Structures are given as structure tokens and as C-alpha cells.
Amino acid sequence: MTIEQTVKVHRALGDITRFKIVLHLQNGRSLCPSDLSHELNEIPASTLSHHLKVLIDCGLLIREKSGTYIDYSLNFKIAEKFLTKIEIGD
């Protein structure tokens, strides 16, 4: 992993919305954008799209297309280098 990619990951995780997206995917789930939006209290699609792109660009998310559906999942090869299991209480 390069220094540039490491910096990209840290910057991506520095945003609370992107950090929440990673938290929702850390248990191995794959979610579509509408499910993620619902999980994140209905953030606008354009905002969610921006955050997903940043997470894909740094390598933390994997985008899987099946027909007209797109699911996003955590790239555990990258995530395990930066994250440990995080549990957030209410």
C-alpha cells in the first residue's frame, strides 16, 4: 500500500458520514444505495453518491453490479489495515 493510498483512506474515514457507511458494512453485509440511505437517516442520493465514490476511490468499498442493481460492500483487505471492530453505543 502506498503512502498516497494510506492518506486517502485516512481522509475518507475523517468524514462522519463515510465513517458511518463503513460501520454499516463492517459485518460483511452488501447494501444498495437506497438501503444505505435509509440506514443513514435518509441522506440525499447525490450526497450519498459522493461519499460512496470517495470510499471506492480509496479502496475501502467494492462496487458489485448485478443487472440494474448495484451493491456496495467493505473491502476487508484494505479495511483490516485501518480498522478494528468498532461498536458504537446509542
PDB file of N, CA and C in Angstrom:
ATOM      1  N   MET A   1       0.840  -1.170   0.000  1.00  0.00           N
ATOM      2  CA  MET A   1       0.000   0.000   0.000  1.00  0.00           C
ATOM      3  C   MET A   1       0.895   1.245   0.000  1.00  0.00           C
ATOM      4  N   THR A   2       0.566   2.195  -0.858  1.00  0.00           N
ATOM      5  CA  THR A   2       1.385   3.391  -0.977  1.00  0.00           C
ATOM      6  C   THR A   2       1.009   4.424   0.085  1.00  0.00           C
ATOM      7  N   ILE A   3       1.883   5.378   0.268  1.00  0.00           N
ATOM      8  CA  ILE A   3       1.600   6.469   1.205  1.00  0.00           C
ATOM      9  C   ILE A   3       0.378   7.254   0.738  1.00  0.00           C
ATOM     10  N   GLU A   4       0.259   7.466  -0.564  1.00  0.00           N
ATOM     11  CA  GLU A   4      -0.871   8.217  -1.107  1.00  0.00           C
ATOM     12  C   GLU A   4      -2.199   7.520  -0.808  1.00  0.00           C
ATOM     13  N   GLN A   5      -2.227   6.195  -0.972  1.00  0.00           N
ATOM     14  CA  GLN A   5      -3.462   5.462  -0.691  1.00  0.00           C
ATOM     15  C   GLN A   5      -3.770   5.496   0.800  1.00  0.00           C
ATOM     16  N   THR A   6      -2.755   5.398   1.628  1.00  0.00           N
ATOM     17  CA  THR A   6      -2.949   5.462   3.076  1.00  0.00           C
ATOM     18  C   THR A   6      -3.556   6.804   3.472  1.00  0.00           C
ATOM     19  N   VAL A   7      -3.055   7.877   2.901  1.00  0.00           N
ATOM     20  CA  VAL A   7      -3.592   9.209   3.191  1.00  0.00           C
ATOM     21  C   VAL A   7      -5.043   9.313   2.713  1.00  0.00           C
ATOM     22  N   LYS A   8      -5.346   8.772   1.530  1.00  0.00           N
ATOM     23  CA  LYS A   8      -6.718   8.792   1.005  1.00  0.00           C
ATOM     24  C   LYS A   8      -7.679   8.081   1.953  1.00  0.00           C
ATOM     25  N   VAL A   9      -7.263   6.931   2.482  1.00  0.00           N
ATOM     26  CA  VAL A   9      -8.121   6.178   3.400  1.00  0.00           C
ATOM     27  C   VAL A   9      -8.364   6.979   4.674  1.00  0.00           C
ATOM     28  N   HIS A  10      -7.319   7.562   5.224  1.00  0.00           N
ATOM     29  CA  HIS A  10      -7.478   8.350   6.446  1.00  0.00           C
ATOM     30  C   HIS A  10      -8.376   9.564   6.217  1.00  0.00           C
ATOM     31  N   ARG A  11      -8.219  10.213   5.079  1.00  0.00           N
ATOM     32  CA  ARG A  11      -9.088  11.353   4.763  1.00  0.00           C
ATOM     33  C   ARG A  11     -10.538  10.903   4.610  1.00  0.00           C
ATOM     34  N   ALA A  12     -10.727   9.783   3.948  1.00  0.00           N
ATOM     35  CA  ALA A  12     -12.088   9.270   3.741  1.00  0.00           C
ATOM     36  C   ALA A  12     -12.756   8.957   5.078  1.00  0.00           C
ATOM     37  N   LEU A  13     -12.021   8.346   5.978  1.00  0.00           N
ATOM     38  CA  LEU A  13     -12.589   7.976   7.275  1.00  0.00           C
ATOM     39  C   LEU A  13     -12.745   9.163   8.205  1.00  0.00           C
ATOM     40  N   GLY A  14     -12.159  10.302   7.842  1.00  0.00           N
ATOM     41  CA  GLY A  14     -12.275  11.507   8.658  1.00  0.00           C
ATOM     42  C   GLY A  14     -13.625  12.187   8.546  1.00  0.00           C
ATOM     43  N   ASP A  15     -14.453  11.754   7.617  1.00  0.00           N
ATOM     44  CA  ASP A  15     -15.793  12.311   7.457  1.00  0.00           C
ATOM     45  C   ASP A  15     -16.791  11.409   8.172  1.00  0.00           C
ATOM     46  N   ILE A  16     -17.650  11.977   8.986  1.00  0.00           N
ATOM     47  CA  ILE A  16     -18.562  11.176   9.812  1.00  0.00           C
ATOM     48  C   ILE A  16     -19.521  10.329   8.974  1.00  0.00           C
ATOM     49  N   THR A  17     -20.019  10.862   7.862  1.00  0.00           N
ATOM     50  CA  THR A  17     -20.941  10.084   7.023  1.00  0.00           C
ATOM     51  C   THR A  17     -20.235   8.882   6.419  1.00  0.00           C
ATOM     52  N   ARG A  18     -19.030   9.079   5.908  1.00  0.00           N
ATOM     53  CA  ARG A  18     -18.288   7.959   5.327  1.00  0.00           C
ATOM     54  C   ARG A  18     -17.913   6.938   6.400  1.00  0.00           C
ATOM     55  N   PHE A  19     -17.578   7.423   7.584  1.00  0.00           N
ATOM     56  CA  PHE A  19     -17.263   6.515   8.680  1.00  0.00           C
ATOM     57  C   PHE A  19     -18.492   5.672   9.038  1.00  0.00           C
ATOM     58  N   LYS A  20     -19.664   6.299   9.047  1.00  0.00           N
ATOM     59  CA  LYS A  20     -20.910   5.568   9.331  1.00  0.00           C
ATOM     60  C   LYS A  20     -21.202   4.526   8.248  1.00  0.00           C
ATOM     61  N   ILE A  21     -20.924   4.846   6.993  1.00  0.00           N
ATOM     62  CA  ILE A  21     -21.120   3.882   5.908  1.00  0.00           C
ATOM     63  C   ILE A  21     -20.260   2.647   6.161  1.00  0.00           C
ATOM     64  N   VAL A  22     -19.000   2.873   6.505  1.00  0.00           N
ATOM     65  CA  VAL A  22     -18.092   1.755   6.804  1.00  0.00           C
ATOM     66  C   VAL A  22     -18.609   0.949   7.990  1.00  0.00           C
ATOM     67  N   LEU A  23     -19.106   1.622   9.021  1.00  0.00           N
ATOM     68  CA  LEU A  23     -19.651   0.906  10.182  1.00  0.00           C
ATOM     69  C   LEU A  23     -20.814   0.005   9.789  1.00  0.00           C
ATOM     70  N   HIS A  24     -21.670   0.495   8.901  1.00  0.00           N
ATOM     71  CA  HIS A  24     -22.832  -0.300   8.477  1.00  0.00           C
ATOM     72  C   HIS A  24     -22.440  -1.499   7.624  1.00  0.00           C
ATOM     73  N   LEU A  25     -21.267  -1.462   7.032  1.00  0.00           N
ATOM     74  CA  LEU A  25     -20.834  -2.557   6.151  1.00  0.00           C
ATOM     75  C   LEU A  25     -19.807  -3.482   6.806  1.00  0.00           C
ATOM     76  N   GLN A  26     -19.379  -3.171   8.025  1.00  0.00           N
ATOM     77  CA  GLN A  26     -18.290  -3.930   8.636  1.00  0.00           C
ATOM     78  C   GLN A  26     -18.660  -5.360   9.010  1.00  0.00           C
ATOM     79  N   ASN A  27     -19.933  -5.680   9.069  1.00  0.00           N
ATOM     80  CA  ASN A  27     -20.322  -7.046   9.428  1.00  0.00           C
ATOM     81  C   ASN A  27     -20.441  -7.964   8.210  1.00  0.00           C
ATOM     82  N   GLY A  28     -19.983  -7.475   7.058  1.00  0.00           N
ATOM     83  CA  GLY A  28     -19.983  -8.309   5.865  1.00  0.00           C
ATOM     84  C   GLY A  28     -21.188  -8.142   4.974  1.00  0.00           C
ATOM     85  N   ARG A  29     -22.092  -7.239   5.333  1.00  0.00           N
ATOM     86  CA  ARG A  29     -23.273  -7.009   4.505  1.00  0.00           C
ATOM     87  C   ARG A  29     -22.916  -6.274   3.230  1.00  0.00           C
ATOM     88  N   SER A  30     -23.694  -6.511   2.202  1.00  0.00           N
ATOM     89  CA  SER A  30     -23.661  -5.704   0.985  1.00  0.00           C
ATOM     90  C   SER A  30     -24.975  -4.950   0.947  1.00  0.00           C
ATOM     91  N   LEU A  31     -24.892  -3.654   0.704  1.00  0.00           N
ATOM     92  CA  LEU A  31     -26.111  -2.847   0.685  1.00  0.00           C
ATOM     93  C   LEU A  31     -26.181  -2.017  -0.589  1.00  0.00           C
ATOM     94  N   CYS A  32     -27.397  -1.809  -1.063  1.00  0.00           N
ATOM     95  CA  CYS A  32     -27.615  -0.923  -2.204  1.00  0.00           C
ATOM     96  C   CYS A  32     -27.729   0.514  -1.681  1.00  0.00           C
ATOM     97  N   PRO A  33     -27.599   1.496  -2.551  1.00  0.00           N
ATOM     98  CA  PRO A  33     -27.656   2.881  -2.104  1.00  0.00           C
ATOM     99  C   PRO A  33     -28.939   3.244  -1.350  1.00  0.00           C
ATOM    100  N   SER A  34     -30.083   2.727  -1.759  1.00  0.00           N
ATOM    101  CA  SER A  34     -31.327   3.074  -1.057  1.00  0.00           C
ATOM    102  C   SER A  34     -31.328   2.515   0.364  1.00  0.00           C
ATOM    103  N   ASP A  35     -30.790   1.311   0.557  1.00  0.00           N
ATOM    104  CA  ASP A  35     -30.686   0.755   1.908  1.00  0.00           C
ATOM    105  C   ASP A  35     -29.704   1.559   2.759  1.00  0.00           C
ATOM    106  N   LEU A  36     -28.590   1.942   2.154  1.00  0.00           N
ATOM    107  CA  LEU A  36     -27.618   2.768   2.887  1.00  0.00           C
ATOM    108  C   LEU A  36     -28.233   4.111   3.267  1.00  0.00           C
ATOM    109  N   SER A  37     -28.964   4.710   2.353  1.00  0.00           N
ATOM    110  CA  SER A  37     -29.609   5.993   2.631  1.00  0.00           C
ATOM    111  C   SER A  37     -30.577   5.862   3.808  1.00  0.00           C
ATOM    112  N   HIS A  38     -31.339   4.784   3.809  1.00  0.00           N
ATOM    113  CA  HIS A  38     -32.270   4.541   4.913  1.00  0.00           C
ATOM    114  C   HIS A  38     -31.517   4.350   6.228  1.00  0.00           C
ATOM    115  N   GLU A  39     -30.438   3.578   6.206  1.00  0.00           N
ATOM    116  CA  GLU A  39     -29.634   3.323   7.408  1.00  0.00           C
ATOM    117  C   GLU A  39     -29.019   4.623   7.948  1.00  0.00           C
ATOM    118  N   LEU A  40     -28.744   5.554   7.049  1.00  0.00           N
ATOM    119  CA  LEU A  40     -28.080   6.804   7.432  1.00  0.00           C
ATOM    120  C   LEU A  40     -29.069   7.961   7.569  1.00  0.00           C
ATOM    121  N   ASN A  41     -30.307   7.632   7.874  1.00  0.00           N
ATOM    122  CA  ASN A  41     -31.353   8.640   8.105  1.00  0.00           C
ATOM    123  C   ASN A  41     -31.659   9.470   6.872  1.00  0.00           C
ATOM    124  N   GLU A  42     -31.805   8.763   5.750  1.00  0.00           N
ATOM    125  CA  GLU A  42     -32.313   9.368   4.520  1.00  0.00           C
ATOM    126  C   GLU A  42     -31.476  10.532   4.007  1.00  0.00           C
ATOM    127  N   ILE A  43     -30.172  10.348   3.881  1.00  0.00           N
ATOM    128  CA  ILE A  43     -29.363  11.408   3.276  1.00  0.00           C
ATOM    129  C   ILE A  43     -29.659  11.450   1.781  1.00  0.00           C
ATOM    130  N   PRO A  44     -29.552  12.618   1.170  1.00  0.00           N
ATOM    131  CA  PRO A  44     -29.875  12.741  -0.266  1.00  0.00           C
ATOM    132  C   PRO A  44     -29.006  11.829  -1.127  1.00  0.00           C
ATOM    133  N   ALA A  45     -29.576  11.351  -2.220  1.00  0.00           N
ATOM    134  CA  ALA A  45     -28.879  10.420  -3.113  1.00  0.00           C
ATOM    135  C   ALA A  45     -27.587  11.019  -3.663  1.00  0.00           C
ATOM    136  N   SER A  46     -27.602  12.296  -3.990  1.00  0.00           N
ATOM    137  CA  SER A  46     -26.392  12.919  -4.545  1.00  0.00           C
ATOM    138  C   SER A  46     -25.276  12.978  -3.507  1.00  0.00           C
ATOM    139  N   THR A  47     -25.633  13.243  -2.268  1.00  0.00           N
ATOM    140  CA  THR A  47     -24.642  13.272  -1.186  1.00  0.00           C
ATOM    141  C   THR A  47     -24.091  11.883  -0.944  1.00  0.00           C
ATOM    142  N   LEU A  48     -24.966  10.891  -0.900  1.00  0.00           N
ATOM    143  CA  LEU A  48     -24.536   9.511  -0.694  1.00  0.00           C
ATOM    144  C   LEU A  48     -23.630   9.060  -1.837  1.00  0.00           C
ATOM    145  N   SER A  49     -23.992   9.404  -3.054  1.00  0.00           N
ATOM    146  CA  SER A  49     -23.192   9.037  -4.221  1.00  0.00           C
ATOM    147  C   SER A  49     -21.773   9.593  -4.108  1.00  0.00           C
ATOM    148  N   HIS A  50     -21.652  10.825  -3.669  1.00  0.00           N
ATOM    149  CA  HIS A  50     -20.332  11.439  -3.482  1.00  0.00           C
ATOM    150  C   HIS A  50     -19.517  10.659  -2.454  1.00  0.00           C
ATOM    151  N   HIS A  51     -20.119  10.340  -1.318  1.00  0.00           N
ATOM    152  CA  HIS A  51     -19.412   9.622  -0.257  1.00  0.00           C
ATOM    153  C   HIS A  51     -19.011   8.213  -0.709  1.00  0.00           C
ATOM    154  N   LEU A  52     -19.877   7.538  -1.444  1.00  0.00           N
ATOM    155  CA  LEU A  52     -19.550   6.203  -1.940  1.00  0.00           C
ATOM    156  C   LEU A  52     -18.379   6.267  -2.910  1.00  0.00           C
ATOM    157  N   LYS A  53     -18.349   7.293  -3.762  1.00  0.00           N
ATOM    158  CA  LYS A  53     -17.250   7.444  -4.712  1.00  0.00           C
ATOM    159  C   LYS A  53     -15.920   7.642  -3.988  1.00  0.00           C
ATOM    160  N   VAL A  54     -15.912   8.457  -2.948  1.00  0.00           N
ATOM    161  CA  VAL A  54     -14.680   8.684  -2.179  1.00  0.00           C
ATOM    162  C   VAL A  54     -14.199   7.376  -1.555  1.00  0.00           C
ATOM    163  N   LEU A  55     -15.123   6.592  -1.004  1.00  0.00           N
ATOM    164  CA  LEU A  55     -14.758   5.324  -0.376  1.00  0.00           C
ATOM    165  C   LEU A  55     -14.285   4.290  -1.396  1.00  0.00           C
ATOM    166  N   ILE A  56     -14.844   4.305  -2.582  1.00  0.00           N
ATOM    167  CA  ILE A  56     -14.390   3.407  -3.647  1.00  0.00           C
ATOM    168  C   ILE A  56     -13.001   3.832  -4.130  1.00  0.00           C
ATOM    169  N   ASP A  57     -12.830   5.135  -4.326  1.00  0.00           N
ATOM    170  CA  ASP A  57     -11.552   5.649  -4.833  1.00  0.00           C
ATOM    171  C   ASP A  57     -10.376   5.341  -3.904  1.00  0.00           C
ATOM    172  N   CYS A  58     -10.619   5.290  -2.595  1.00  0.00           N
ATOM    173  CA  CYS A  58      -9.518   4.991  -1.673  1.00  0.00           C
ATOM    174  C   CYS A  58      -9.367   3.487  -1.459  1.00  0.00           C
ATOM    175  N   GLY A  59     -10.290   2.696  -2.007  1.00  0.00           N
ATOM    176  CA  GLY A  59     -10.173   1.244  -1.927  1.00  0.00           C
ATOM    177  C   GLY A  59     -10.939   0.588  -0.802  1.00  0.00           C
ATOM    178  N   LEU A  60     -11.665   1.370   0.015  1.00  0.00           N
ATOM    179  CA  LEU A  60     -12.378   0.778   1.145  1.00  0.00           C
ATOM    180  C   LEU A  60     -13.667   0.054   0.754  1.00  0.00           C
ATOM    181  N   LEU A  61     -14.277   0.453  -0.353  1.00  0.00           N
ATOM    182  CA  LEU A  61     -15.519  -0.195  -0.777  1.00  0.00           C
ATOM    183  C   LEU A  61     -15.334  -0.911  -2.101  1.00  0.00           C
ATOM    184  N   ILE A  62     -16.137  -1.948  -2.256  1.00  0.00           N
ATOM    185  CA  ILE A  62     -16.221  -2.692  -3.513  1.00  0.00           C
ATOM    186  C   ILE A  62     -17.620  -2.479  -4.062  1.00  0.00           C
ATOM    187  N   ARG A  63     -17.690  -2.164  -5.342  1.00  0.00           N
ATOM    188  CA  ARG A  63     -18.967  -1.952  -6.026  1.00  0.00           C
ATOM    189  C   ARG A  63     -19.245  -3.178  -6.866  1.00  0.00           C
ATOM    190  N   GLU A  64     -20.400  -3.801  -6.641  1.00  0.00           N
ATOM    191  CA  GLU A  64     -20.772  -5.000  -7.386  1.00  0.00           C
ATOM    192  C   GLU A  64     -22.077  -4.739  -8.122  1.00  0.00           C
ATOM    193  N   LYS A  65     -22.025  -4.873  -9.440  1.00  0.00           N
ATOM    194  CA  LYS A  65     -23.203  -4.629 -10.253  1.00  0.00           C
ATOM    195  C   LYS A  65     -23.783  -5.958 -10.703  1.00  0.00           C
ATOM    196  N   SER A  66     -25.089  -6.098 -10.526  1.00  0.00           N
ATOM    197  CA  SER A  66     -25.797  -7.294 -10.976  1.00  0.00           C
ATOM    198  C   SER A  66     -27.056  -6.831 -11.704  1.00  0.00           C
ATOM    199  N   GLY A  67     -26.988  -6.830 -13.002  1.00  0.00           N
ATOM    200  CA  GLY A  67     -28.113  -6.312 -13.778  1.00  0.00           C
ATOM    201  C   GLY A  67     -28.235  -4.816 -13.563  1.00  0.00           C
ATOM    202  N   THR A  68     -29.399  -4.394 -13.095  1.00  0.00           N
ATOM    203  CA  THR A  68     -29.609  -2.972 -12.819  1.00  0.00           C
ATOM    204  C   THR A  68     -29.322  -2.618 -11.364  1.00  0.00           C
ATOM    205  N   TYR A  69     -28.972  -3.611 -10.555  1.00  0.00           N
ATOM    206  CA  TYR A  69     -28.714  -3.374  -9.131  1.00  0.00           C
ATOM    207  C   TYR A  69     -27.225  -3.179  -8.881  1.00  0.00           C
ATOM    208  N   ILE A  70     -26.923  -2.283  -7.939  1.00  0.00           N
ATOM    209  CA  ILE A  70     -25.551  -2.065  -7.509  1.00  0.00           C
ATOM    210  C   ILE A  70     -25.510  -2.202  -6.005  1.00  0.00           C
ATOM    211  N   ASP A  71     -24.626  -3.059  -5.530  1.00  0.00           N
ATOM    212  CA  ASP A  71     -24.427  -3.233  -4.099  1.00  0.00           C
ATOM    213  C   ASP A  71     -23.016  -2.809  -3.733  1.00  0.00           C
ATOM    214  N   TYR A  72     -22.875  -2.321  -2.532  1.00  0.00           N
ATOM    215  CA  TYR A  72     -21.580  -1.900  -2.018  1.00  0.00           C
ATOM    216  C   TYR A  72     -21.238  -2.740  -0.802  1.00  0.00           C
ATOM    217  N   SER A  73     -19.985  -3.158  -0.737  1.00  0.00           N
ATOM    218  CA  SER A  73     -19.522  -3.928   0.418  1.00  0.00           C
ATOM    219  C   SER A  73     -18.130  -3.438   0.795  1.00  0.00           C
ATOM    220  N   LEU A  74     -17.742  -3.762   1.998  1.00  0.00           N
ATOM    221  CA  LEU A  74     -16.449  -3.341   2.513  1.00  0.00           C
ATOM    222  C   LEU A  74     -15.348  -4.210   1.937  1.00  0.00           C
ATOM    223  N   ASN A  75     -14.263  -3.596   1.515  1.00  0.00           N
ATOM    224  CA  ASN A  75     -13.091  -4.315   1.037  1.00  0.00           C
ATOM    225  C   ASN A  75     -12.255  -4.642   2.276  1.00  0.00           C
ATOM    226  N   PHE A  76     -12.403  -5.854   2.774  1.00  0.00           N
ATOM    227  CA  PHE A  76     -11.773  -6.227   4.036  1.00  0.00           C
ATOM    228  C   PHE A  76     -10.249  -6.272   3.946  1.00  0.00           C
ATOM    229  N   LYS A  77      -9.694  -6.483   2.749  1.00  0.00           N
ATOM    230  CA  LYS A  77      -8.238  -6.479   2.607  1.00  0.00           C
ATOM    231  C   LYS A  77      -7.667  -5.113   2.986  1.00  0.00           C
ATOM    232  N   ILE A  78      -8.356  -4.060   2.587  1.00  0.00           N
ATOM    233  CA  ILE A  78      -7.909  -2.709   2.907  1.00  0.00           C
ATOM    234  C   ILE A  78      -8.370  -2.323   4.311  1.00  0.00           C
ATOM    235  N   ALA A  79      -9.620  -2.608   4.625  1.00  0.00           N
ATOM    236  CA  ALA A  79     -10.193  -2.173   5.899  1.00  0.00           C
ATOM    237  C   ALA A  79      -9.449  -2.748   7.101  1.00  0.00           C
ATOM    238  N   GLU A  80      -9.011  -3.988   7.019  1.00  0.00           N
ATOM    239  CA  GLU A  80      -8.342  -4.596   8.175  1.00  0.00           C
ATOM    240  C   GLU A  80      -7.016  -3.920   8.500  1.00  0.00           C
ATOM    241  N   LYS A  81      -6.455  -3.188   7.548  1.00  0.00           N
ATOM    242  CA  LYS A  81      -5.212  -2.460   7.792  1.00  0.00           C
ATOM    243  C   LYS A  81      -5.460  -1.173   8.579  1.00  0.00           C
ATOM    244  N   PHE A  82      -6.704  -0.686   8.562  1.00  0.00           N
ATOM    245  CA  PHE A  82      -7.005   0.604   9.166  1.00  0.00           C
ATOM    246  C   PHE A  82      -8.015   0.541  10.301  1.00  0.00           C
ATOM    247  N   LEU A  83      -8.807  -0.504  10.355  1.00  0.00           N
ATOM    248  CA  LEU A  83      -9.899  -0.554  11.314  1.00  0.00           C
ATOM    249  C   LEU A  83      -9.838  -1.798  12.176  1.00  0.00           C
ATOM    250  N   THR A  84     -10.311  -1.651  13.377  1.00  0.00           N
ATOM    251  CA  THR A  84     -10.600  -2.809  14.214  1.00  0.00           C
ATOM    252  C   THR A  84     -12.110  -2.819  14.394  1.00  0.00           C
ATOM    253  N   LYS A  85     -12.627  -3.878  14.933  1.00  0.00           N
ATOM    254  CA  LYS A  85     -14.080  -3.960  15.150  1.00  0.00           C
ATOM    255  C   LYS A  85     -14.500  -2.798  16.054  1.00  0.00           C
ATOM    256  N   ILE A  86     -15.395  -1.979  15.570  1.00  0.00           N
ATOM    257  CA  ILE A  86     -15.847  -0.809  16.304  1.00  0.00           C
ATOM    258  C   ILE A  86     -17.329  -0.977  16.598  1.00  0.00           C
ATOM    259  N   GLU A  87     -17.680  -0.802  17.842  1.00  0.00           N
ATOM    260  CA  GLU A  87     -19.086  -0.855  18.216  1.00  0.00           C
ATOM    261  C   GLU A  87     -19.457   0.476  18.831  1.00  0.00           C
ATOM    262  N   ILE A  88     -20.505   1.058  18.312  1.00  0.00           N
ATOM    263  CA  ILE A  88     -20.952   2.361  18.769  1.00  0.00           C
ATOM    264  C   ILE A  88     -22.236   2.162  19.564  1.00  0.00           C
ATOM    265  N   GLY A  89     -22.257   2.655  20.780  1.00  0.00           N
ATOM    266  CA  GLY A  89     -23.458   2.581  21.603  1.00  0.00           C
ATOM    267  C   GLY A  89     -24.410   3.715  21.287  1.00  0.00           C
ATOM    268  N   ASP A  90     -25.639   3.568  21.718  1.00  0.00           N
ATOM    269  CA  ASP A  90     -26.643   4.621  21.481  1.00  0.00           C
ATOM    270  C   ASP A  90     -26.466   5.774  22.427  1.00  0.00           C
TER     271      ASP A  90
END
